[in-house]
């Protein structure tokens, strides 16, 4: 199974802004489209890591089962 995420970029006077439709909070900007793309990849990783840490805090000390899921994205 493959899950595809949608990156959206828009030209603004300052350069480009970008976000991922399926991941609230993942957004960025850059002077060029290339910079915005690079920054968005970093933002994806940062938001996922922050969400992981928040979830770990919420379940700390509770009886919970954690499983990994692997997404293969193009």
PDB file of N, CA and C in Angstrom:
ATOM      1  N   UNK A   1       0.848  -1.179   0.000  1.00  0.00           N
ATOM      2  CA  UNK A   1       0.000   0.000   0.000  1.00  0.00           C
ATOM      3  C   UNK A   1       0.890   1.238   0.000  1.00  0.00           C
ATOM      4  N   UNK A   2       0.513   2.171  -0.797  1.00  0.00           N
ATOM      5  CA  UNK A   2       1.284   3.403  -0.883  1.00  0.00           C
ATOM      6  C   UNK A   2       0.385   4.576  -0.521  1.00  0.00           C
ATOM      7  N   UNK A   3       0.894   5.459   0.285  1.00  0.00           N
ATOM      8  CA  UNK A   3       0.158   6.663   0.662  1.00  0.00           C
ATOM      9  C   UNK A   3       0.866   7.853   0.050  1.00  0.00           C
ATOM     10  N   UNK A   4       0.119   8.674  -0.646  1.00  0.00           N
ATOM     11  CA  UNK A   4       0.694   9.866  -1.260  1.00  0.00           C
ATOM     12  C   UNK A   4       0.211  11.099  -0.508  1.00  0.00           C
ATOM     13  N   UNK A   5       1.139  11.989  -0.211  1.00  0.00           N
ATOM     14  CA  UNK A   5       0.825  13.271   0.411  1.00  0.00           C
ATOM     15  C   UNK A   5       0.918  14.354  -0.660  1.00  0.00           C
ATOM     16  N   UNK A   6       0.170  15.419  -0.472  1.00  0.00           N
ATOM     17  CA  UNK A   6       0.112  16.477  -1.469  1.00  0.00           C
ATOM     18  C   UNK A   6       0.827  17.726  -0.971  1.00  0.00           C
ATOM     19  N   UNK A   7       1.926  18.084  -1.643  1.00  0.00           N
ATOM     20  CA  UNK A   7       2.631  19.327  -1.340  1.00  0.00           C
ATOM     21  C   UNK A   7       2.062  20.417  -2.236  1.00  0.00           C
ATOM     22  N   UNK A   8       1.781  21.567  -1.644  1.00  0.00           N
ATOM     23  CA  UNK A   8       1.221  22.696  -2.388  1.00  0.00           C
ATOM     24  C   UNK A   8       2.171  23.880  -2.242  1.00  0.00           C
ATOM     25  N   UNK A   9       2.497  24.511  -3.367  1.00  0.00           N
ATOM     26  CA  UNK A   9       3.363  25.692  -3.360  1.00  0.00           C
ATOM     27  C   UNK A   9       2.628  26.843  -4.026  1.00  0.00           C
ATOM     28  N   UNK A  10       2.807  28.026  -3.457  1.00  0.00           N
ATOM     29  CA  UNK A  10       2.195  29.224  -4.030  1.00  0.00           C
ATOM     30  C   UNK A  10       3.241  30.322  -4.121  1.00  0.00           C
ATOM     31  N   UNK A  11       3.210  31.050  -5.222  1.00  0.00           N
ATOM     32  CA  UNK A  11       4.096  32.204  -5.408  1.00  0.00           C
ATOM     33  C   UNK A  11       3.505  33.377  -4.641  1.00  0.00           C
ATOM     34  N   UNK A  12       4.331  34.024  -3.833  1.00  0.00           N
ATOM     35  CA  UNK A  12       3.954  35.220  -3.088  1.00  0.00           C
ATOM     36  C   UNK A  12       5.023  36.279  -3.341  1.00  0.00           C
ATOM     37  N   UNK A  13       4.767  37.530  -3.010  1.00  0.00           N
ATOM     38  CA  UNK A  13       5.766  38.574  -3.273  1.00  0.00           C
ATOM     39  C   UNK A  13       7.147  38.284  -2.660  1.00  0.00           C
ATOM     40  N   UNK A  14       7.177  37.583  -1.529  1.00  0.00           N
ATOM     41  CA  UNK A  14       8.438  37.301  -0.845  1.00  0.00           C
ATOM     42  C   UNK A  14       9.148  36.061  -1.393  1.00  0.00           C
ATOM     43  N   UNK A  15       8.513  35.319  -2.285  1.00  0.00           N
ATOM     44  CA  UNK A  15       9.095  34.081  -2.813  1.00  0.00           C
ATOM     45  C   UNK A  15       8.011  33.031  -2.981  1.00  0.00           C
ATOM     46  N   UNK A  16       8.128  31.944  -2.210  1.00  0.00           N
ATOM     47  CA  UNK A  16       7.150  30.854  -2.278  1.00  0.00           C
ATOM     48  C   UNK A  16       6.783  30.400  -0.871  1.00  0.00           C
ATOM     49  N   UNK A  17       5.539  30.018  -0.708  1.00  0.00           N
ATOM     50  CA  UNK A  17       5.104  29.342   0.507  1.00  0.00           C
ATOM     51  C   UNK A  17       4.690  27.934   0.117  1.00  0.00           C
ATOM     52  N   UNK A  18       4.757  27.022   1.071  1.00  0.00           N
ATOM     53  CA  UNK A  18       4.378  25.647   0.800  1.00  0.00           C
ATOM     54  C   UNK A  18       3.776  24.995   2.024  1.00  0.00           C
ATOM     55  N   UNK A  19       2.911  24.010   1.784  1.00  0.00           N
ATOM     56  CA  UNK A  19       2.319  23.254   2.870  1.00  0.00           C
ATOM     57  C   UNK A  19       1.945  21.868   2.352  1.00  0.00           C
ATOM     58  N   UNK A  20       1.623  20.979   3.271  1.00  0.00           N
ATOM     59  CA  UNK A  20       1.166  19.629   2.931  1.00  0.00           C
ATOM     60  C   UNK A  20      -0.303  19.547   3.323  1.00  0.00           C
ATOM     61  N   UNK A  21      -1.147  19.260   2.341  1.00  0.00           N
ATOM     62  CA  UNK A  21      -2.593  19.244   2.583  1.00  0.00           C
ATOM     63  C   UNK A  21      -2.994  18.292   3.708  1.00  0.00           C
ATOM     64  N   UNK A  22      -2.375  17.133   3.769  1.00  0.00           N
ATOM     65  CA  UNK A  22      -2.794  16.096   4.716  1.00  0.00           C
ATOM     66  C   UNK A  22      -2.142  16.202   6.086  1.00  0.00           C
ATOM     67  N   UNK A  23      -1.210  17.118   6.273  1.00  0.00           N
ATOM     68  CA  UNK A  23      -0.495  17.231   7.547  1.00  0.00           C
ATOM     69  C   UNK A  23      -0.607  18.655   8.085  1.00  0.00           C
ATOM     70  N   UNK A  24      -1.628  18.918   8.892  1.00  0.00           N
ATOM     71  CA  UNK A  24      -1.757  20.261   9.467  1.00  0.00           C
ATOM     72  C   UNK A  24      -0.493  20.657  10.221  1.00  0.00           C
ATOM     73  N   UNK A  25      -0.099  21.889  10.058  1.00  0.00           N
ATOM     74  CA  UNK A  25       1.084  22.392  10.747  1.00  0.00           C
ATOM     75  C   UNK A  25       2.359  22.289   9.941  1.00  0.00           C
ATOM     76  N   UNK A  26       2.321  21.552   8.843  1.00  0.00           N
ATOM     77  CA  UNK A  26       3.504  21.441   7.989  1.00  0.00           C
ATOM     78  C   UNK A  26       3.416  22.529   6.922  1.00  0.00           C
ATOM     79  N   UNK A  27       4.166  23.589   7.137  1.00  0.00           N
ATOM     80  CA  UNK A  27       4.198  24.683   6.169  1.00  0.00           C
ATOM     81  C   UNK A  27       5.548  25.366   6.225  1.00  0.00           C
ATOM     82  N   UNK A  28       5.873  26.074   5.167  1.00  0.00           N
ATOM     83  CA  UNK A  28       7.192  26.689   5.084  1.00  0.00           C
ATOM     84  C   UNK A  28       7.173  27.803   4.055  1.00  0.00           C
ATOM     85  N   UNK A  29       8.344  28.389   3.861  1.00  0.00           N
ATOM     86  CA  UNK A  29       8.512  29.404   2.829  1.00  0.00           C
ATOM     87  C   UNK A  29       9.939  29.336   2.314  1.00  0.00           C
ATOM     88  N   UNK A  30      10.187  29.973   1.202  1.00  0.00           N
ATOM     89  CA  UNK A  30      11.527  30.027   0.634  1.00  0.00           C
ATOM     90  C   UNK A  30      11.606  31.122  -0.404  1.00  0.00           C
ATOM     91  N   UNK A  31      12.819  31.580  -0.661  1.00  0.00           N
ATOM     92  CA  UNK A  31      13.024  32.613  -1.675  1.00  0.00           C
ATOM     93  C   UNK A  31      12.785  32.080  -3.079  1.00  0.00           C
ATOM     94  N   UNK A  32      13.009  30.778  -3.265  1.00  0.00           N
ATOM     95  CA  UNK A  32      12.797  30.132  -4.562  1.00  0.00           C
ATOM     96  C   UNK A  32      11.954  28.880  -4.333  1.00  0.00           C
ATOM     97  N   UNK A  33      11.419  28.329  -5.424  1.00  0.00           N
ATOM     98  CA  UNK A  33      10.637  27.095  -5.309  1.00  0.00           C
ATOM     99  C   UNK A  33      11.523  25.962  -4.800  1.00  0.00           C
ATOM    100  N   UNK A  34      12.773  25.931  -5.218  1.00  0.00           N
ATOM    101  CA  UNK A  34      13.693  24.884  -4.761  1.00  0.00           C
ATOM    102  C   UNK A  34      13.926  24.985  -3.255  1.00  0.00           C
ATOM    103  N   UNK A  35      14.127  26.200  -2.769  1.00  0.00           N
ATOM    104  CA  UNK A  35      14.333  26.396  -1.324  1.00  0.00           C
ATOM    105  C   UNK A  35      13.076  26.018  -0.551  1.00  0.00           C
ATOM    106  N   UNK A  36      11.912  26.382  -1.074  1.00  0.00           N
ATOM    107  CA  UNK A  36      10.657  26.026  -0.402  1.00  0.00           C
ATOM    108  C   UNK A  36      10.485  24.508  -0.356  1.00  0.00           C
ATOM    109  N   UNK A  37      10.850  23.812  -1.433  1.00  0.00           N
ATOM    110  CA  UNK A  37      10.755  22.342  -1.439  1.00  0.00           C
ATOM    111  C   UNK A  37      11.651  21.718  -0.374  1.00  0.00           C
ATOM    112  N   UNK A  38      12.883  22.176  -0.306  1.00  0.00           N
ATOM    113  CA  UNK A  38      13.827  21.659   0.691  1.00  0.00           C
ATOM    114  C   UNK A  38      13.314  21.936   2.093  1.00  0.00           C
ATOM    115  N   UNK A  39      12.853  23.166   2.310  1.00  0.00           N
ATOM    116  CA  UNK A  39      12.346  23.543   3.634  1.00  0.00           C
ATOM    117  C   UNK A  39      11.112  22.741   4.017  1.00  0.00           C
ATOM    118  N   UNK A  40      10.266  22.426   3.030  1.00  0.00           N
ATOM    119  CA  UNK A  40       9.062  21.656   3.330  1.00  0.00           C
ATOM    120  C   UNK A  40       9.401  20.231   3.738  1.00  0.00           C
ATOM    121  N   UNK A  41      10.384  19.630   3.095  1.00  0.00           N
ATOM    122  CA  UNK A  41      10.819  18.291   3.497  1.00  0.00           C
ATOM    123  C   UNK A  41      11.292  18.306   4.955  1.00  0.00           C
ATOM    124  N   UNK A  42      12.047  19.325   5.325  1.00  0.00           N
ATOM    125  CA  UNK A  42      12.513  19.449   6.709  1.00  0.00           C
ATOM    126  C   UNK A  42      11.333  19.656   7.656  1.00  0.00           C
ATOM    127  N   UNK A  43      10.377  20.483   7.253  1.00  0.00           N
ATOM    128  CA  UNK A  43       9.210  20.746   8.089  1.00  0.00           C
ATOM    129  C   UNK A  43       8.404  19.469   8.334  1.00  0.00           C
ATOM    130  N   UNK A  44       8.294  18.624   7.318  1.00  0.00           N
ATOM    131  CA  UNK A  44       7.585  17.349   7.483  1.00  0.00           C
ATOM    132  C   UNK A  44       8.239  16.536   8.593  1.00  0.00           C
ATOM    133  N   UNK A  45       9.552  16.402   8.533  1.00  0.00           N
ATOM    134  CA  UNK A  45      10.274  15.642   9.556  1.00  0.00           C
ATOM    135  C   UNK A  45      10.126  16.236  10.939  1.00  0.00           C
ATOM    136  N   UNK A  46      10.200  17.563  11.042  1.00  0.00           N
ATOM    137  CA  UNK A  46      10.092  18.224  12.346  1.00  0.00           C
ATOM    138  C   UNK A  46       8.705  18.053  12.956  1.00  0.00           C
ATOM    139  N   UNK A  47       7.669  18.194  12.150  1.00  0.00           N
ATOM    140  CA  UNK A  47       6.311  18.049  12.663  1.00  0.00           C
ATOM    141  C   UNK A  47       6.034  16.607  13.074  1.00  0.00           C
ATOM    142  N   UNK A  48       6.474  15.649  12.273  1.00  0.00           N
ATOM    143  CA  UNK A  48       6.275  14.249  12.648  1.00  0.00           C
ATOM    144  C   UNK A  48       7.001  13.914  13.945  1.00  0.00           C
ATOM    145  N   UNK A  49       8.215  14.407  14.105  1.00  0.00           N
ATOM    146  CA  UNK A  49       8.968  14.154  15.339  1.00  0.00           C
ATOM    147  C   UNK A  49       8.294  14.819  16.538  1.00  0.00           C
ATOM    148  N   UNK A  50       7.830  16.050  16.379  1.00  0.00           N
ATOM    149  CA  UNK A  50       7.142  16.741  17.470  1.00  0.00           C
ATOM    150  C   UNK A  50       5.863  16.004  17.858  1.00  0.00           C
ATOM    151  N   UNK A  51       5.113  15.531  16.851  1.00  0.00           N
ATOM    152  CA  UNK A  51       3.897  14.767  17.139  1.00  0.00           C
ATOM    153  C   UNK A  51       4.216  13.466  17.866  1.00  0.00           C
ATOM    154  N   UNK A  52       5.307  12.826  17.478  1.00  0.00           N
ATOM    155  CA  UNK A  52       5.718  11.590  18.147  1.00  0.00           C
ATOM    156  C   UNK A  52       6.029  11.849  19.623  1.00  0.00           C
ATOM    157  N   UNK A  53       6.762  12.913  19.884  1.00  0.00           N
ATOM    158  CA  UNK A  53       7.112  13.244  21.272  1.00  0.00           C
ATOM    159  C   UNK A  53       5.873  13.568  22.103  1.00  0.00           C
ATOM    160  N   UNK A  54       4.944  14.311  21.528  1.00  0.00           N
ATOM    161  CA  UNK A  54       3.707  14.627  22.245  1.00  0.00           C
ATOM    162  C   UNK A  54       2.909  13.364  22.549  1.00  0.00           C
ATOM    163  N   UNK A  55       2.824  12.462  21.594  1.00  0.00           N
ATOM    164  CA  UNK A  55       2.093  11.213  21.801  1.00  0.00           C
ATOM    165  C   UNK A  55       2.759  10.370  22.879  1.00  0.00           C
ATOM    166  N   UNK A  56       4.088  10.319  22.868  1.00  0.00           N
ATOM    167  CA  UNK A  56       4.810   9.545  23.885  1.00  0.00           C
ATOM    168  C   UNK A  56       4.546  10.105  25.278  1.00  0.00           C
ATOM    169  N   UNK A  57       4.492  11.431  25.391  1.00  0.00           N
ATOM    170  CA  UNK A  57       4.183  12.050  26.685  1.00  0.00           C
ATOM    171  C   UNK A  57       2.775  11.686  27.138  1.00  0.00           C
ATOM    172  N   UNK A  58       1.829  11.667  26.218  1.00  0.00           N
ATOM    173  CA  UNK A  58       0.438  11.387  26.566  1.00  0.00           C
ATOM    174  C   UNK A  58       0.222   9.950  27.020  1.00  0.00           C
ATOM    175  N   UNK A  59       0.978   9.007  26.470  1.00  0.00           N
ATOM    176  CA  UNK A  59       0.769   7.601  26.840  1.00  0.00           C
ATOM    177  C   UNK A  59       1.766   7.109  27.877  1.00  0.00           C
ATOM    178  N   UNK A  60       2.659   7.981  28.302  1.00  0.00           N
ATOM    179  CA  UNK A  60       3.683   7.573  29.280  1.00  0.00           C
ATOM    180  C   UNK A  60       3.012   7.006  30.531  1.00  0.00           C
ATOM    181  N   UNK A  61       3.456   5.838  30.930  1.00  0.00           N
ATOM    182  CA  UNK A  61       2.933   5.181  32.117  1.00  0.00           C
ATOM    183  C   UNK A  61       1.636   4.430  31.892  1.00  0.00           C
ATOM    184  N   UNK A  62       1.113   4.449  30.680  1.00  0.00           N
ATOM    185  CA  UNK A  62      -0.131   3.746  30.377  1.00  0.00           C
ATOM    186  C   UNK A  62       0.169   2.442  29.657  1.00  0.00           C
ATOM    187  N   UNK A  63      -0.785   1.543  29.730  1.00  0.00           N
ATOM    188  CA  UNK A  63      -0.657   0.276  29.016  1.00  0.00           C
ATOM    189  C   UNK A  63      -1.014   0.532  27.552  1.00  0.00           C
ATOM    190  N   UNK A  64      -0.014   0.587  26.692  1.00  0.00           N
ATOM    191  CA  UNK A  64      -0.244   0.901  25.279  1.00  0.00           C
ATOM    192  C   UNK A  64       0.616  -0.001  24.410  1.00  0.00           C
ATOM    193  N   UNK A  65       0.121  -0.323  23.265  1.00  0.00           N
ATOM    194  CA  UNK A  65       0.859  -1.116  22.284  1.00  0.00           C
ATOM    195  C   UNK A  65       1.275  -0.182  21.158  1.00  0.00           C
ATOM    196  N   UNK A  66       2.560  -0.158  20.879  1.00  0.00           N
ATOM    197  CA  UNK A  66       3.083   0.679  19.802  1.00  0.00           C
ATOM    198  C   UNK A  66       3.559  -0.223  18.667  1.00  0.00           C
ATOM    199  N   UNK A  67       3.196   0.135  17.453  1.00  0.00           N
ATOM    200  CA  UNK A  67       3.621  -0.603  16.266  1.00  0.00           C
ATOM    201  C   UNK A  67       4.126   0.385  15.239  1.00  0.00           C
ATOM    202  N   UNK A  68       5.097  -0.024  14.463  1.00  0.00           N
ATOM    203  CA  UNK A  68       5.622   0.801  13.395  1.00  0.00           C
ATOM    204  C   UNK A  68       4.788   0.624  12.130  1.00  0.00           C
ATOM    205  N   UNK A  69       4.730   1.678  11.351  1.00  0.00           N
ATOM    206  CA  UNK A  69       4.108   1.618  10.039  1.00  0.00           C
ATOM    207  C   UNK A  69       5.091   2.253   9.056  1.00  0.00           C
ATOM    208  N   UNK A  70       5.247   1.639   7.912  1.00  0.00           N
ATOM    209  CA  UNK A  70       6.195   2.140   6.917  1.00  0.00           C
ATOM    210  C   UNK A  70       5.428   2.616   5.694  1.00  0.00           C
ATOM    211  N   UNK A  71       5.679   3.822   5.278  1.00  0.00           N
ATOM    212  CA  UNK A  71       5.033   4.405   4.117  1.00  0.00           C
ATOM    213  C   UNK A  71       6.064   4.518   3.010  1.00  0.00           C
ATOM    214  N   UNK A  72       5.724   4.085   1.850  1.00  0.00           N
ATOM    215  CA  UNK A  72       6.615   4.165   0.707  1.00  0.00           C
ATOM    216  C   UNK A  72       6.071   5.230  -0.222  1.00  0.00           C
ATOM    217  N   UNK A  73       6.731   6.368  -0.237  1.00  0.00           N
ATOM    218  CA  UNK A  73       6.256   7.508  -1.006  1.00  0.00           C
ATOM    219  C   UNK A  73       7.133   7.745  -2.223  1.00  0.00           C
ATOM    220  N   UNK A  74       6.521   8.185  -3.268  1.00  0.00           N
ATOM    221  CA  UNK A  74       7.260   8.480  -4.497  1.00  0.00           C
ATOM    222  C   UNK A  74       7.945   9.827  -4.395  1.00  0.00           C
TER     223      UNK A  74
END
